[in-house]
Structure formats: structure tokens, C-alpha cells
Amino acid sequence: MLRDEFLESPSNRSVSIGDKAKFTCRPPRGEPTPKVLWMKGRKFLTDSGRIQISENGDLIISQVSLKDADDYKCIATNTAGERESAPARLTVLGTLSFFTNY
């Protein structure tokens, strides 16, 4: 059973290329304690080199690039069911510059 709404849902973020983005998610209380999963668009995320899901449910994206711009949401799940947060948008600021050395 998932008792409540999310205690804290992710909120929109704007970060510059190369910076770190962090989304916070505090799942509803439930029995058993819900696990937090993250989605980017329609794909589930897993820990990888730049993507980390902390023990407390936060999503951390290191060295943000333009391809990270999207909607993210957290999903609380346990044996009784699941609940999705509202999506939060990651906006990536800045442009890539190309320099030519002569």
C-alpha cells in the first residue's frame, strides 16, 4: 500500500552544459517501503557512469550534455502498486562552441 502522495516531487531544473543536475524524490510512505525508480521520457534509468540514483531516491546527472534535456519523473513502487510523480523538465543552458586553431 502506498499511503500518501509524494512527500517531495522532482521540480524543473536549468543547468549549464558540463554541470551537475540533481532531482529530489521522496516517495509516499508505504508497506513495504517503496523503491524509487526514475524515468527519462519513456525509458527507465539505471546507474551508469554519469547517472546515479542515491539511496534516498535522488537522481544525480553528472556532466550534463544537451542530450540530457528531457522530462524526468520518479516512480515509487512496492508489492502493493506504484505511483508516478509529476514530470520535471531538465533544461540545458549554453551552446557548444567550436574553435579553430591556425
C-alpha atoms as a PDB file:
ATOM      1  CA  MET A   1       0.000   0.000   0.000  1.00  0.00           C
ATOM      2  CA  LEU A   2       1.223   3.486  -0.881  1.00  0.00           C
ATOM      3  CA  ARG A   3      -0.423   5.706   1.697  1.00  0.00           C
ATOM      4  CA  ASP A   4       0.108   9.272   0.591  1.00  0.00           C
ATOM      5  CA  GLU A   5       1.178  11.414  -2.293  1.00  0.00           C
ATOM      6  CA  PHE A   6       4.892  12.010  -2.801  1.00  0.00           C
ATOM      7  CA  LEU A   7       6.464  13.736   0.186  1.00  0.00           C
ATOM      8  CA  GLU A   8       8.643  15.626  -2.300  1.00  0.00           C
ATOM      9  CA  SER A   9       8.355  15.527  -6.084  1.00  0.00           C
ATOM     10  CA  PRO A  10      11.083  16.497  -8.536  1.00  0.00           C
ATOM     11  CA  SER A  11      10.990  20.087  -9.770  1.00  0.00           C
ATOM     12  CA  ASN A  12      12.190  21.705 -13.008  1.00  0.00           C
ATOM     13  CA  ARG A  13      15.920  22.373 -13.276  1.00  0.00           C
ATOM     14  CA  SER A  14      18.050  24.512 -15.574  1.00  0.00           C
ATOM     15  CA  VAL A  15      21.755  23.720 -15.682  1.00  0.00           C
ATOM     16  CA  SER A  16      24.668  24.612 -17.932  1.00  0.00           C
ATOM     17  CA  ILE A  17      26.456  22.105 -20.116  1.00  0.00           C
ATOM     18  CA  GLY A  18      29.043  20.241 -18.035  1.00  0.00           C
ATOM     19  CA  ASP A  19      27.361  20.981 -14.692  1.00  0.00           C
ATOM     20  CA  LYS A  20      25.586  18.555 -12.369  1.00  0.00           C
ATOM     21  CA  ALA A  21      21.786  18.223 -12.211  1.00  0.00           C
ATOM     22  CA  LYS A  22      20.018  16.830  -9.163  1.00  0.00           C
ATOM     23  CA  PHE A  23      16.353  15.877  -8.905  1.00  0.00           C
ATOM     24  CA  THR A  24      14.897  15.106  -5.493  1.00  0.00           C
ATOM     25  CA  CYS A  25      12.227  12.481  -4.898  1.00  0.00           C
ATOM     26  CA  ARG A  26      10.736  11.478  -1.574  1.00  0.00           C
ATOM     27  CA  PRO A  27       8.273   8.650  -2.175  1.00  0.00           C
ATOM     28  CA  PRO A  28       4.979   8.172  -0.353  1.00  0.00           C
ATOM     29  CA  ARG A  29       5.053   6.123   2.824  1.00  0.00           C
ATOM     30  CA  GLY A  30       4.154   2.522   2.167  1.00  0.00           C
ATOM     31  CA  GLU A  31       4.287  -1.009   3.435  1.00  0.00           C
ATOM     32  CA  PRO A  32       6.662  -2.443   2.363  1.00  0.00           C
ATOM     33  CA  THR A  33       8.844   0.644   1.941  1.00  0.00           C
ATOM     34  CA  PRO A  34       8.621   1.704  -1.713  1.00  0.00           C
ATOM     35  CA  LYS A  35      11.600   1.597  -4.044  1.00  0.00           C
ATOM     36  CA  VAL A  36      12.300   4.674  -6.193  1.00  0.00           C
ATOM     37  CA  LEU A  37      12.813   4.285  -9.935  1.00  0.00           C
ATOM     38  CA  TRP A  38      13.481   7.100 -12.410  1.00  0.00           C
ATOM     39  CA  MET A  39      12.367   7.606 -15.984  1.00  0.00           C
ATOM     40  CA  LYS A  40      13.704   9.932 -18.662  1.00  0.00           C
ATOM     41  CA  GLY A  41      10.963  10.385 -21.206  1.00  0.00           C
ATOM     42  CA  ARG A  42       9.618   6.851 -21.555  1.00  0.00           C
ATOM     43  CA  LYS A  43      12.807   4.991 -20.607  1.00  0.00           C
ATOM     44  CA  PHE A  44      13.805   3.747 -17.176  1.00  0.00           C
ATOM     45  CA  LEU A  45      17.212   4.949 -15.971  1.00  0.00           C
ATOM     46  CA  THR A  46      19.856   2.828 -14.298  1.00  0.00           C
ATOM     47  CA  ASP A  47      23.074   3.787 -12.550  1.00  0.00           C
ATOM     48  CA  SER A  48      25.825   4.348 -15.087  1.00  0.00           C
ATOM     49  CA  GLY A  49      28.914   6.480 -15.334  1.00  0.00           C
ATOM     50  CA  ARG A  50      27.101   9.843 -15.308  1.00  0.00           C
ATOM     51  CA  ILE A  51      23.717   8.761 -13.912  1.00  0.00           C
ATOM     52  CA  GLN A  52      23.366   7.926 -10.225  1.00  0.00           C
ATOM     53  CA  ILE A  53      20.315   7.119  -8.138  1.00  0.00           C
ATOM     54  CA  SER A  54      21.154   7.724  -4.497  1.00  0.00           C
ATOM     55  CA  GLU A  55      19.973   5.545  -1.624  1.00  0.00           C
ATOM     56  CA  ASN A  56      17.465   8.211  -0.607  1.00  0.00           C
ATOM     57  CA  GLY A  57      15.957   8.318  -4.113  1.00  0.00           C
ATOM     58  CA  ASP A  58      17.625  11.389  -5.632  1.00  0.00           C
ATOM     59  CA  LEU A  59      18.681  11.368  -9.281  1.00  0.00           C
ATOM     60  CA  ILE A  60      22.093  12.905  -9.999  1.00  0.00           C
ATOM     61  CA  ILE A  61      23.300  13.533 -13.548  1.00  0.00           C
ATOM     62  CA  SER A  62      26.972  14.489 -13.811  1.00  0.00           C
ATOM     63  CA  GLN A  63      28.482  16.430 -16.706  1.00  0.00           C
ATOM     64  CA  VAL A  64      25.143  17.346 -18.247  1.00  0.00           C
ATOM     65  CA  SER A  65      25.021  17.465 -22.046  1.00  0.00           C
ATOM     66  CA  LEU A  66      22.374  18.659 -24.491  1.00  0.00           C
ATOM     67  CA  LYS A  67      21.050  15.103 -24.882  1.00  0.00           C
ATOM     68  CA  ASP A  68      20.040  15.092 -21.190  1.00  0.00           C
ATOM     69  CA  ALA A  69      17.360  17.745 -21.790  1.00  0.00           C
ATOM     70  CA  ASP A  70      14.024  15.957 -21.272  1.00  0.00           C
ATOM     71  CA  ASP A  71      11.260  15.259 -18.777  1.00  0.00           C
ATOM     72  CA  TYR A  72      12.147  13.164 -15.733  1.00  0.00           C
ATOM     73  CA  LYS A  73       9.840  11.537 -13.210  1.00  0.00           C
ATOM     74  CA  CYS A  74      10.225   9.251 -10.263  1.00  0.00           C
ATOM     75  CA  ILE A  75       8.144   6.162  -9.668  1.00  0.00           C
ATOM     76  CA  ALA A  76       7.539   4.743  -6.202  1.00  0.00           C
ATOM     77  CA  THR A  77       6.869   1.024  -6.360  1.00  0.00           C
ATOM     78  CA  ASN A  78       6.258  -1.811  -3.934  1.00  0.00           C
ATOM     79  CA  THR A  79       4.329  -5.076  -3.972  1.00  0.00           C
ATOM     80  CA  ALA A  80       1.073  -3.170  -3.431  1.00  0.00           C
ATOM     81  CA  GLY A  81       1.419  -0.979  -6.510  1.00  0.00           C
ATOM     82  CA  GLU A  82       3.144   2.069  -7.884  1.00  0.00           C
ATOM     83  CA  ARG A  83       2.713   5.807  -8.092  1.00  0.00           C
ATOM     84  CA  GLU A  84       4.333   8.289 -10.506  1.00  0.00           C
ATOM     85  CA  SER A  85       5.403  11.820  -9.704  1.00  0.00           C
ATOM     86  CA  ALA A  86       4.550  14.705 -11.980  1.00  0.00           C
ATOM     87  CA  PRO A  87       7.278  15.169 -14.601  1.00  0.00           C
ATOM     88  CA  ALA A  88      10.075  17.678 -14.091  1.00  0.00           C
ATOM     89  CA  ARG A  89      11.902  19.211 -17.052  1.00  0.00           C
ATOM     90  CA  LEU A  90      15.669  19.441 -17.330  1.00  0.00           C
ATOM     91  CA  THR A  91      16.669  22.449 -19.436  1.00  0.00           C
ATOM     92  CA  VAL A  92      20.293  22.526 -20.574  1.00  0.00           C
ATOM     93  CA  LEU A  93      21.734  26.011 -20.971  1.00  0.00           C
ATOM     94  CA  GLY A  94      24.585  27.083 -23.200  1.00  0.00           C
ATOM     95  CA  THR A  95      25.774  26.274 -26.660  1.00  0.00           C
ATOM     96  CA  LEU A  96      28.722  24.323 -27.874  1.00  0.00           C
ATOM     97  CA  SER A  97      31.499  26.477 -29.266  1.00  0.00           C
ATOM     98  CA  PHE A  98      33.913  25.314 -31.899  1.00  0.00           C
ATOM     99  CA  PHE A  99      37.332  26.889 -32.067  1.00  0.00           C
ATOM    100  CA  THR A 100      39.691  26.674 -34.974  1.00  0.00           C
ATOM    101  CA  ASN A 101      43.407  26.842 -34.299  1.00  0.00           C
ATOM    102  CA  TYR A 102      45.598  28.273 -37.029  1.00  0.00           C
END
